[in-house]
C-alpha atoms as a PDB file:
ATOM      1  CA  MET A   1    -151.557  75.164 -27.573  1.00  0.00           C
ATOM      2  CA  ARG A   2    -152.027  73.915 -31.037  1.00  0.00           C
ATOM      3  CA  LYS A   3    -148.557  74.597 -31.590  1.00  0.00           C
ATOM      4  CA  PHE A   4    -147.964  72.748 -28.178  1.00  0.00           C
ATOM      5  CA  LEU A   5    -149.927  69.887 -29.400  1.00  0.00           C
ATOM      6  CA  GLY A   6    -148.403  69.589 -32.250  1.00  0.00           C
ATOM      7  CA  HIS A   7    -145.091  67.918 -31.017  1.00  0.00           C
ATOM      8  CA  PRO A   8    -145.183  64.175 -30.192  1.00  0.00           C
ATOM      9  CA  LEU A   9    -144.410  64.313 -26.827  1.00  0.00           C
ATOM     10  CA  PRO A  10    -147.160  66.425 -25.719  1.00  0.00           C
ATOM     11  CA  GLN A  11    -149.301  64.759 -28.102  1.00  0.00           C
ATOM     12  CA  ALA A  12    -148.295  61.078 -26.452  1.00  0.00           C
ATOM     13  CA  PHE A  13    -149.240  62.523 -22.612  1.00  0.00           C
ATOM     14  CA  ALA A  14    -152.364  64.280 -23.266  1.00  0.00           C
ATOM     15  CA  LEU A  15    -154.299  61.648 -24.915  1.00  0.00           C
ATOM     16  CA  LEU A  16    -152.280  59.137 -22.013  1.00  0.00           C
ATOM     17  CA  PHE A  17    -154.211  61.380 -20.004  1.00  0.00           C
ATOM     18  CA  VAL A  18    -157.663  61.181 -21.479  1.00  0.00           C
ATOM     19  CA  VAL A  19    -157.489  57.302 -21.978  1.00  0.00           C
ATOM     20  CA  LEU A  20    -156.290  57.780 -18.219  1.00  0.00           C
ATOM     21  CA  ALA A  21    -158.967  59.802 -17.006  1.00  0.00           C
ATOM     22  CA  VAL A  22    -161.721  58.683 -18.769  1.00  0.00           C
ATOM     23  CA  PHE A  23    -160.798  54.985 -17.724  1.00  0.00           C
ATOM     24  CA  PHE A  24    -160.869  55.952 -14.293  1.00  0.00           C
ATOM     25  CA  ALA A  25    -164.143  57.464 -14.272  1.00  0.00           C
ATOM     26  CA  LEU A  26    -166.062  55.291 -16.240  1.00  0.00           C
ATOM     27  CA  GLN A  27    -164.989  52.663 -13.785  1.00  0.00           C
ATOM     28  CA  ALA A  28    -165.914  54.687 -10.905  1.00  0.00           C
ATOM     29  CA  VAL A  29    -169.476  55.030 -11.886  1.00  0.00           C
ATOM     30  CA  LEU A  30    -169.149  51.127 -12.563  1.00  0.00           C
ATOM     31  CA  VAL A  31    -168.205  50.442  -9.173  1.00  0.00           C
ATOM     32  CA  ALA A  32    -170.579  53.099  -7.214  1.00  0.00           C
ATOM     33  CA  VAL A  33    -173.734  52.065  -9.631  1.00  0.00           C
ATOM     34  CA  LEU A  34    -173.157  48.208  -9.453  1.00  0.00           C
ATOM     35  CA  GLN A  35    -171.638  48.444  -6.120  1.00  0.00           C
ATOM     36  CA  ILE A  36    -168.963  46.119  -6.645  1.00  0.00           C
ATOM     37  CA  GLY A  37    -166.200  45.660  -3.396  1.00  0.00           C
ATOM     38  CA  PRO A  38    -162.848  44.976  -3.406  1.00  0.00           C
ATOM     39  CA  GLU A  39    -163.927  41.007  -2.835  1.00  0.00           C
ATOM     40  CA  GLY A  40    -165.915  38.528  -4.470  1.00  0.00           C
ATOM     41  CA  LEU A  41    -165.325  40.563  -7.648  1.00  0.00           C
ATOM     42  CA  THR A  42    -167.316  38.153 -10.515  1.00  0.00           C
ATOM     43  CA  PRO A  43    -165.761  37.719 -13.425  1.00  0.00           C
ATOM     44  CA  ALA A  44    -168.841  38.997 -15.357  1.00  0.00           C
ATOM     45  CA  LEU A  45    -168.132  42.396 -13.253  1.00  0.00           C
ATOM     46  CA  GLY A  46    -164.270  42.215 -14.360  1.00  0.00           C
ATOM     47  CA  LEU A  47    -165.288  42.305 -17.881  1.00  0.00           C
ATOM     48  CA  LEU A  48    -167.424  45.254 -17.381  1.00  0.00           C
ATOM     49  CA  LEU A  49    -164.515  47.271 -15.455  1.00  0.00           C
ATOM     50  CA  GLY A  50    -162.514  45.928 -18.623  1.00  0.00           C
ATOM     51  CA  LEU A  51    -165.017  47.304 -21.258  1.00  0.00           C
ATOM     52  CA  ALA A  52    -164.582  50.629 -19.310  1.00  0.00           C
ATOM     53  CA  GLY A  53    -161.126  51.059 -21.182  1.00  0.00           C
ATOM     54  CA  VAL A  54    -161.807  49.564 -24.875  1.00  0.00           C
ATOM     55  CA  VAL A  55    -164.365  52.433 -23.881  1.00  0.00           C
ATOM     56  CA  ALA A  56    -161.607  54.972 -22.968  1.00  0.00           C
ATOM     57  CA  ALA A  57    -158.863  54.241 -25.560  1.00  0.00           C
ATOM     58  CA  LEU A  58    -161.998  54.161 -28.899  1.00  0.00           C
ATOM     59  CA  VAL A  59    -162.768  57.998 -27.626  1.00  0.00           C
ATOM     60  CA  THR A  60    -159.244  58.896 -28.023  1.00  0.00           C
ATOM     61  CA  VAL A  61    -158.650  57.230 -31.501  1.00  0.00           C
ATOM     62  CA  PRO A  62    -160.505  60.570 -33.408  1.00  0.00           C
ATOM     63  CA  PRO A  63    -158.514  63.194 -31.437  1.00  0.00           C
ATOM     64  CA  ALA A  64    -155.558  61.151 -32.347  1.00  0.00           C
ATOM     65  CA  ARG A  65    -156.278  61.189 -35.937  1.00  0.00           C
ATOM     66  CA  ARG A  66    -156.648  64.343 -36.374  1.00  0.00           C
ATOM     67  CA  MET A  67    -153.981  65.859 -34.232  1.00  0.00           C
ATOM     68  CA  GLU A  68    -151.337  63.448 -36.383  1.00  0.00           C
ATOM     69  CA  GLY A  69    -153.130  63.863 -40.097  1.00  0.00           C
ATOM     70  CA  GLU A  70    -152.652  59.374 -39.739  1.00  0.00           C
ATOM     71  CA  SER A  71    -155.081  56.958 -41.062  1.00  0.00           C
ATOM     72  CA  LEU A  72    -156.011  53.838 -38.662  1.00  0.00           C
ATOM     73  CA  ALA A  73    -153.142  51.983 -39.979  1.00  0.00           C
ATOM     74  CA  GLY A  74    -150.850  54.772 -38.812  1.00  0.00           C
ATOM     75  CA  LEU A  75    -151.643  54.650 -36.010  1.00  0.00           C
ATOM     76  CA  GLY A  76    -151.171  51.394 -35.719  1.00  0.00           C
ATOM     77  CA  PHE A  77    -154.119  49.638 -36.488  1.00  0.00           C
ATOM     78  CA  PRO A  78    -153.880  48.552 -39.644  1.00  0.00           C
ATOM     79  CA  ALA A  79    -156.391  45.429 -41.137  1.00  0.00           C
ATOM     80  CA  LYS A  80    -153.418  43.687 -43.171  1.00  0.00           C
ATOM     81  CA  ASN A  81    -152.273  40.857 -40.945  1.00  0.00           C
ATOM     82  CA  ALA A  82    -154.790  42.333 -37.971  1.00  0.00           C
ATOM     83  CA  VAL A  83    -155.680  38.091 -37.409  1.00  0.00           C
ATOM     84  CA  ARG A  84    -152.462  36.934 -37.881  1.00  0.00           C
ATOM     85  CA  HIS A  85    -150.185  39.470 -35.694  1.00  0.00           C
ATOM     86  CA  LEU A  86    -153.047  38.882 -32.693  1.00  0.00           C
ATOM     87  CA  LEU A  87    -153.162  35.101 -32.682  1.00  0.00           C
ATOM     88  CA  GLY A  88    -149.805  35.072 -33.423  1.00  0.00           C
ATOM     89  CA  GLY A  89    -149.388  37.262 -30.221  1.00  0.00           C
ATOM     90  CA  ILE A  90    -151.711  35.115 -27.925  1.00  0.00           C
ATOM     91  CA  ALA A  91    -149.662  32.000 -29.170  1.00  0.00           C
ATOM     92  CA  VAL A  92    -145.978  34.035 -28.188  1.00  0.00           C
ATOM     93  CA  GLY A  93    -147.874  35.179 -24.724  1.00  0.00           C
ATOM     94  CA  ALA A  94    -148.621  31.695 -24.061  1.00  0.00           C
ATOM     95  CA  VAL A  95    -145.742  30.404 -24.792  1.00  0.00           C
ATOM     96  CA  VAL A  96    -144.067  32.752 -22.588  1.00  0.00           C
ATOM     97  CA  GLN A  97    -146.173  31.092 -19.936  1.00  0.00           C
ATOM     98  CA  ALA A  98    -146.197  28.124 -20.182  1.00  0.00           C
ATOM     99  CA  LEU A  99    -142.163  28.396 -20.094  1.00  0.00           C
ATOM    100  CA  VAL A 100    -142.034  30.175 -16.664  1.00  0.00           C
ATOM    101  CA  PHE A 101    -144.656  27.469 -15.755  1.00  0.00           C
ATOM    102  CA  GLY A 102    -142.412  24.825 -16.904  1.00  0.00           C
ATOM    103  CA  ILE A 103    -139.205  25.667 -15.443  1.00  0.00           C
ATOM    104  CA  MET A 104    -141.375  26.357 -11.834  1.00  0.00           C
ATOM    105  CA  ALA A 105    -142.873  23.061 -12.216  1.00  0.00           C
ATOM    106  CA  VAL A 106    -139.334  21.270 -13.205  1.00  0.00           C
ATOM    107  CA  ALA A 107    -138.097  23.126 -10.234  1.00  0.00           C
ATOM    108  CA  GLY A 108    -140.931  21.506  -7.915  1.00  0.00           C
ATOM    109  CA  TRP A 109    -142.052  25.124  -7.478  1.00  0.00           C
ATOM    110  CA  TYR A 110    -145.629  24.557  -9.168  1.00  0.00           C
ATOM    111  CA  THR A 111    -147.845  22.269  -8.808  1.00  0.00           C
ATOM    112  CA  PHE A 112    -151.451  21.376  -9.781  1.00  0.00           C
ATOM    113  CA  SER A 113    -154.381  19.835  -7.737  1.00  0.00           C
ATOM    114  CA  ALA A 114    -157.047  19.649 -10.269  1.00  0.00           C
ATOM    115  CA  VAL A 115    -158.222  19.882 -13.701  1.00  0.00           C
ATOM    116  CA  THR A 116    -161.825  22.271 -14.331  1.00  0.00           C
ATOM    117  CA  VAL A 117    -163.221  23.015 -17.196  1.00  0.00           C
ATOM    118  CA  ASN A 118    -165.618  26.460 -17.125  1.00  0.00           C
ATOM    119  CA  VAL A 119    -166.478  27.230 -20.962  1.00  0.00           C
ATOM    120  CA  GLY A 120    -168.262  30.132 -19.540  1.00  0.00           C
ATOM    121  CA  SER A 121    -165.581  31.494 -16.898  1.00  0.00           C
ATOM    122  CA  LEU A 122    -163.045  31.027 -20.130  1.00  0.00           C
ATOM    123  CA  VAL A 123    -165.086  32.603 -22.611  1.00  0.00           C
ATOM    124  CA  ILE A 124    -165.324  35.753 -20.404  1.00  0.00           C
ATOM    125  CA  MET A 125    -161.766  35.893 -18.762  1.00  0.00           C
ATOM    126  CA  THR A 126    -160.575  35.671 -23.002  1.00  0.00           C
ATOM    127  CA  VAL A 127    -163.043  38.451 -23.430  1.00  0.00           C
ATOM    128  CA  LEU A 128    -161.404  40.230 -20.205  1.00  0.00           C
ATOM    129  CA  ALA A 129    -157.657  39.635 -21.659  1.00  0.00           C
ATOM    130  CA  LEU A 130    -158.411  41.091 -25.182  1.00  0.00           C
ATOM    131  CA  CYS A 131    -159.980  44.097 -23.945  1.00  0.00           C
ATOM    132  CA  VAL A 132    -157.023  44.979 -21.271  1.00  0.00           C
ATOM    133  CA  ALA A 133    -154.613  44.292 -23.725  1.00  0.00           C
ATOM    134  CA  PHE A 134    -156.546  46.151 -26.610  1.00  0.00           C
ATOM    135  CA  TRP A 135    -156.863  49.797 -23.959  1.00  0.00           C
ATOM    136  CA  GLU A 136    -153.118  49.098 -22.339  1.00  0.00           C
ATOM    137  CA  GLU A 137    -151.544  48.942 -25.698  1.00  0.00           C
ATOM    138  CA  TRP A 138    -153.129  51.521 -27.681  1.00  0.00           C
ATOM    139  CA  ALA A 139    -152.636  53.670 -24.334  1.00  0.00           C
ATOM    140  CA  PHE A 140    -148.612  52.581 -23.779  1.00  0.00           C
ATOM    141  CA  ARG A 141    -147.491  51.004 -27.204  1.00  0.00           C
ATOM    142  CA  GLY A 142    -150.029  53.052 -29.544  1.00  0.00           C
ATOM    143  CA  LEU A 143    -149.141  56.288 -27.742  1.00  0.00           C
ATOM    144  CA  LEU A 144    -146.476  56.367 -25.286  1.00  0.00           C
ATOM    145  CA  LEU A 145    -144.136  54.651 -27.437  1.00  0.00           C
ATOM    146  CA  ARG A 146    -145.384  55.102 -31.613  1.00  0.00           C
ATOM    147  CA  LEU A 147    -145.887  58.781 -30.983  1.00  0.00           C
ATOM    148  CA  PRO A 148    -142.135  59.812 -28.715  1.00  0.00           C
ATOM    149  CA  GLU A 149    -140.434  58.080 -30.908  1.00  0.00           C
ATOM    150  CA  LYS A 150    -140.910  60.515 -33.883  1.00  0.00           C
ATOM    151  CA  ALA A 151    -138.870  62.596 -31.602  1.00  0.00           C
ATOM    152  CA  LEU A 152    -136.823  60.931 -29.564  1.00  0.00           C
ATOM    153  CA  GLY A 153    -136.276  57.720 -31.640  1.00  0.00           C
ATOM    154  CA  SER A 154    -137.099  54.176 -30.820  1.00  0.00           C
ATOM    155  CA  TRP A 155    -135.273  53.439 -28.460  1.00  0.00           C
ATOM    156  CA  TRP A 156    -135.853  56.253 -25.913  1.00  0.00           C
ATOM    157  CA  ALA A 157    -139.428  55.643 -26.640  1.00  0.00           C
ATOM    158  CA  LEU A 158    -139.031  52.210 -25.569  1.00  0.00           C
ATOM    159  CA  VAL A 159    -137.515  52.957 -22.535  1.00  0.00           C
ATOM    160  CA  LEU A 160    -140.109  55.790 -21.600  1.00  0.00           C
ATOM    161  CA  SER A 161    -143.230  53.656 -22.178  1.00  0.00           C
ATOM    162  CA  ALA A 162    -141.586  50.823 -20.474  1.00  0.00           C
ATOM    163  CA  VAL A 163    -141.024  52.928 -16.881  1.00  0.00           C
ATOM    164  CA  VAL A 164    -144.407  54.862 -17.520  1.00  0.00           C
ATOM    165  CA  PHE A 165    -146.356  51.053 -18.156  1.00  0.00           C
ATOM    166  CA  GLY A 166    -144.564  49.669 -14.868  1.00  0.00           C
ATOM    167  CA  LEU A 167    -145.648  52.548 -12.969  1.00  0.00           C
ATOM    168  CA  ILE A 168    -149.298  52.835 -13.808  1.00  0.00           C
ATOM    169  CA  HIS A 169    -148.781  49.256 -11.941  1.00  0.00           C
ATOM    170  CA  ALA A 170    -147.484  50.320  -8.600  1.00  0.00           C
ATOM    171  CA  PRO A 171    -151.709  50.771  -6.887  1.00  0.00           C
ATOM    172  CA  ASN A 172    -152.276  46.906  -8.134  1.00  0.00           C
ATOM    173  CA  ALA A 173    -152.792  44.349  -5.796  1.00  0.00           C
ATOM    174  CA  ASN A 174    -149.750  42.312  -4.293  1.00  0.00           C
ATOM    175  CA  ALA A 175    -147.468  44.938  -6.269  1.00  0.00           C
ATOM    176  CA  THR A 176    -143.602  45.322  -4.742  1.00  0.00           C
ATOM    177  CA  ALA A 177    -141.126  47.317  -6.535  1.00  0.00           C
ATOM    178  CA  LEU A 178    -139.775  43.613  -7.930  1.00  0.00           C
ATOM    179  CA  THR A 179    -143.130  43.499  -9.587  1.00  0.00           C
ATOM    180  CA  LEU A 180    -142.755  46.919 -11.205  1.00  0.00           C
ATOM    181  CA  VAL A 181    -139.470  45.639 -12.788  1.00  0.00           C
ATOM    182  CA  GLY A 182    -140.832  42.536 -14.132  1.00  0.00           C
ATOM    183  CA  ILE A 183    -143.700  44.203 -15.664  1.00  0.00           C
ATOM    184  CA  THR A 184    -141.658  47.257 -16.809  1.00  0.00           C
ATOM    185  CA  VAL A 185    -139.546  44.514 -18.310  1.00  0.00           C
ATOM    186  CA  ALA A 186    -142.029  42.720 -20.249  1.00  0.00           C
ATOM    187  CA  GLY A 187    -144.012  46.107 -21.467  1.00  0.00           C
ATOM    188  CA  GLY A 188    -140.154  47.546 -22.271  1.00  0.00           C
ATOM    189  CA  LEU A 189    -138.970  44.206 -24.273  1.00  0.00           C
ATOM    190  CA  VAL A 190    -141.390  42.031 -25.306  1.00  0.00           C
ATOM    191  CA  LEU A 191    -144.529  44.212 -25.660  1.00  0.00           C
ATOM    192  CA  GLY A 192    -142.510  47.138 -27.081  1.00  0.00           C
ATOM    193  CA  GLY A 193    -140.630  44.688 -28.973  1.00  0.00           C
ATOM    194  CA  GLY A 194    -143.592  43.677 -30.921  1.00  0.00           C
ATOM    195  CA  PHE A 195    -144.773  46.881 -31.788  1.00  0.00           C
ATOM    196  CA  LEU A 196    -141.059  48.090 -33.293  1.00  0.00           C
ATOM    197  CA  LEU A 197    -141.089  44.203 -35.322  1.00  0.00           C
ATOM    198  CA  THR A 198    -144.618  44.493 -36.530  1.00  0.00           C
ATOM    199  CA  ARG A 199    -145.431  48.126 -36.488  1.00  0.00           C
ATOM    200  CA  SER A 200    -148.366  47.216 -35.202  1.00  0.00           C
ATOM    201  CA  LEU A 201    -150.506  46.633 -32.158  1.00  0.00           C
ATOM    202  CA  TRP A 202    -152.143  43.919 -33.120  1.00  0.00           C
ATOM    203  CA  LEU A 203    -149.133  41.565 -31.821  1.00  0.00           C
ATOM    204  CA  PRO A 204    -148.272  43.511 -29.084  1.00  0.00           C
ATOM    205  CA  ILE A 205    -152.029  43.120 -28.402  1.00  0.00           C
ATOM    206  CA  GLY A 206    -152.593  39.273 -29.027  1.00  0.00           C
ATOM    207  CA  ILE A 207    -149.241  38.927 -26.451  1.00  0.00           C
ATOM    208  CA  HIS A 208    -150.191  40.647 -23.909  1.00  0.00           C
ATOM    209  CA  THR A 209    -153.764  38.864 -23.822  1.00  0.00           C
ATOM    210  CA  GLY A 210    -152.065  35.219 -24.166  1.00  0.00           C
ATOM    211  CA  TRP A 211    -149.762  36.467 -21.374  1.00  0.00           C
ATOM    212  CA  ASN A 212    -152.552  37.429 -19.264  1.00  0.00           C
ATOM    213  CA  LEU A 213    -155.010  34.724 -20.241  1.00  0.00           C
ATOM    214  CA  PHE A 214    -152.192  31.844 -19.775  1.00  0.00           C
ATOM    215  CA  GLN A 215    -150.983  33.266 -16.265  1.00  0.00           C
ATOM    216  CA  ASN A 216    -154.506  33.889 -15.078  1.00  0.00           C
ATOM    217  CA  SER A 217    -157.235  31.051 -16.261  1.00  0.00           C
ATOM    218  CA  VAL A 218    -154.812  28.492 -17.589  1.00  0.00           C
ATOM    219  CA  PHE A 219    -152.268  27.847 -14.946  1.00  0.00           C
ATOM    220  CA  GLY A 220    -154.111  29.367 -11.937  1.00  0.00           C
ATOM    221  CA  ALA A 221    -151.668  31.760 -10.618  1.00  0.00           C
ATOM    222  CA  GLY A 222    -153.602  35.350 -11.153  1.00  0.00           C
ATOM    223  CA  SER A 223    -151.985  38.259 -11.301  1.00  0.00           C
ATOM    224  CA  THR A 224    -151.323  41.653  -9.577  1.00  0.00           C
ATOM    225  CA  GLY A 225    -153.843  43.221 -11.817  1.00  0.00           C
ATOM    226  CA  ALA A 226    -156.497  40.154 -11.666  1.00  0.00           C
ATOM    227  CA  GLY A 227    -156.513  38.501  -8.614  1.00  0.00           C
ATOM    228  CA  ALA A 228    -159.246  40.096  -7.062  1.00  0.00           C
ATOM    229  CA  ILE A 229    -161.484  37.743  -9.774  1.00  0.00           C
ATOM    230  CA  SER A 230    -163.445  34.905  -8.426  1.00  0.00           C
ATOM    231  CA  GLU A 231    -162.599  33.005 -11.543  1.00  0.00           C
ATOM    232  CA  THR A 232    -162.718  29.466 -12.316  1.00  0.00           C
ATOM    233  CA  PRO A 233    -158.960  28.632 -13.769  1.00  0.00           C
ATOM    234  CA  LEU A 234    -158.479  25.589 -15.837  1.00  0.00           C
ATOM    235  CA  LEU A 235    -155.613  24.026 -13.711  1.00  0.00           C
ATOM    236  CA  ARG A 236    -155.953  24.373  -9.783  1.00  0.00           C
ATOM    237  CA  GLY A 237    -152.010  25.865  -9.803  1.00  0.00           C
ATOM    238  CA  HIS A 238    -150.131  26.065  -6.757  1.00  0.00           C
ATOM    239  CA  VAL A 239    -146.524  27.880  -6.159  1.00  0.00           C
ATOM    240  CA  ASN A 240    -144.532  27.161  -3.212  1.00  0.00           C
ATOM    241  CA  GLY A 241    -140.818  28.097  -3.947  1.00  0.00           C
ATOM    242  CA  PRO A 242    -138.493  31.283  -3.026  1.00  0.00           C
ATOM    243  CA  GLN A 243    -140.099  34.513  -3.459  1.00  0.00           C
ATOM    244  CA  LEU A 244    -137.140  35.610  -5.005  1.00  0.00           C
ATOM    245  CA  TRP A 245    -137.510  33.000  -8.134  1.00  0.00           C
ATOM    246  CA  VAL A 246    -141.341  32.759  -8.298  1.00  0.00           C
ATOM    247  CA  GLY A 247    -142.703  36.326  -7.029  1.00  0.00           C
ATOM    248  CA  GLY A 248    -145.145  36.902  -4.353  1.00  0.00           C
ATOM    249  CA  PRO A 249    -148.896  35.707  -3.671  1.00  0.00           C
ATOM    250  CA  GLY A 250    -150.348  36.268  -7.000  1.00  0.00           C
ATOM    251  CA  ASP A 251    -147.661  37.951  -8.135  1.00  0.00           C
ATOM    252  CA  PRO A 252    -145.564  35.968 -10.622  1.00  0.00           C
ATOM    253  CA  GLU A 253    -144.514  39.442 -12.339  1.00  0.00           C
ATOM    254  CA  SER A 254    -141.914  39.906  -9.325  1.00  0.00           C
ATOM    255  CA  GLY A 255    -140.309  36.566  -9.894  1.00  0.00           C
ATOM    256  CA  LEU A 256    -136.874  35.943 -11.595  1.00  0.00           C
ATOM    257  CA  VAL A 257    -138.197  33.420 -13.139  1.00  0.00           C
ATOM    258  CA  LEU A 258    -140.630  35.673 -15.019  1.00  0.00           C
ATOM    259  CA  ILE A 259    -138.469  38.804 -15.038  1.00  0.00           C
ATOM    260  CA  LEU A 260    -135.694  36.961 -16.947  1.00  0.00           C
ATOM    261  CA  VAL A 261    -138.054  34.501 -19.932  1.00  0.00           C
ATOM    262  CA  ALA A 262    -139.582  38.215 -20.250  1.00  0.00           C
ATOM    263  CA  ALA A 263    -136.169  39.703 -21.217  1.00  0.00           C
ATOM    264  CA  ALA A 264    -134.730  36.026 -23.271  1.00  0.00           C
ATOM    265  CA  VAL A 265    -138.195  36.758 -25.526  1.00  0.00           C
ATOM    266  CA  GLY A 266    -138.284  40.785 -25.389  1.00  0.00           C
ATOM    267  CA  ALA A 267    -134.639  40.333 -26.317  1.00  0.00           C
ATOM    268  CA  VAL A 268    -135.045  38.277 -29.761  1.00  0.00           C
ATOM    269  CA  LEU A 269    -138.385  40.216 -30.796  1.00  0.00           C
ATOM    270  CA  LEU A 270    -135.973  43.726 -30.140  1.00  0.00           C
ATOM    271  CA  VAL A 271    -132.661  42.111 -32.369  1.00  0.00           C
ATOM    272  CA  MET A 272    -135.587  40.582 -35.313  1.00  0.00           C
ATOM    273  CA  ALA A 273    -136.452  44.452 -35.234  1.00  0.00           C
ATOM    274  CA  VAL A 274    -133.275  45.445 -35.610  1.00  0.00           C
ATOM    275  CA  ARG A 275    -132.698  43.392 -38.424  1.00  0.00           C
ATOM    276  CA  ALA A 276    -136.001  44.118 -40.172  1.00  0.00           C
ATOM    277  CA  GLY A 277    -134.303  48.009 -40.383  1.00  0.00           C
ATOM    278  CA  HIS A 278    -137.350  49.210 -38.262  1.00  0.00           C
ATOM    279  CA  ILE A 279    -135.776  51.060 -35.469  1.00  0.00           C
ATOM    280  CA  GLN A 280    -135.865  54.631 -35.718  1.00  0.00           C
ATOM    281  CA  PRO A 281    -133.026  57.488 -34.223  1.00  0.00           C
ATOM    282  CA  PRO A 282    -134.162  60.532 -32.843  1.00  0.00           C
ATOM    283  CA  ARG A 283    -135.269  63.382 -34.954  1.00  0.00           C
ATOM    284  CA  ARG A 284    -132.427  65.388 -34.566  1.00  0.00           C
ATOM    285  CA  LYS A 285    -129.858  62.904 -35.971  1.00  0.00           C
ATOM    286  CA  THR A 286    -132.630  62.465 -38.721  1.00  0.00           C
ATOM    287  CA  ALA A 287    -132.141  66.344 -39.555  1.00  0.00           C
ATOM    288  CA  ALA A 288    -128.767  66.489 -39.326  1.00  0.00           C
ATOM    289  CA  ALA A 289    -128.365  63.271 -41.913  1.00  0.00           C
ATOM    290  CA  THR A 290    -130.329  65.222 -43.921  1.00  0.00           C
ATOM    291  CA  VAL A 291    -128.497  68.504 -44.356  1.00  0.00           C
END
């Protein structure tokens, strides 16, 4: 068993299994105790469910350090530039969503009817977006990209993490096949590219936070993961256009506008990662080159 868990791939999937198992177990307990139903989920209750993911992630950090013999920086949590990368990532996520909704607005597919400033709702949704981003980025970039990369190289690890990230969202409300394509592109190119560029999880955590926050709580479009939360978005947004381009109701990730914008931003991040020399070859090629 020790030899099995000494390989990066089994390590990644074993730790990912623990993260998901703890997360879903904690959520089940909260749903049962608080009698949380599928309708009328408040931001505060949503935050409690999001905190379950943070706990699940933190539970697996110590065993990950023991397995790998790494510091927190080696796991993807360096203290250096943490705040700068986090805030920069939030800005990138905000820009992606601004481009998406700006394009739809110019095309006449997005309008808003009112501006409502609910500070309490925005604060809670910001913390919730950060919680979701933290545990998902640890699980899918910190574990399922960073660890397999040691054996498979950056490109194959990127594909693996992106595909699993997309598939894990299949049970979400309103999710379609095109939704999974959109989430896979976002996870593989934008979030994965952010990690490869900086070798830090803080940038993808920030991008993920800004992505969800601006899509749901600023532009008011909802998402497959947070559409059930009865929040008060800053803009009372209305999306009405060709479903192929704008996505389904509460599902912008299934629209070609978002997919193409994410692909373009992700490509830029990956090109920057290549130029920075942060792309790793598969282990076998590295060993062959050494011999």
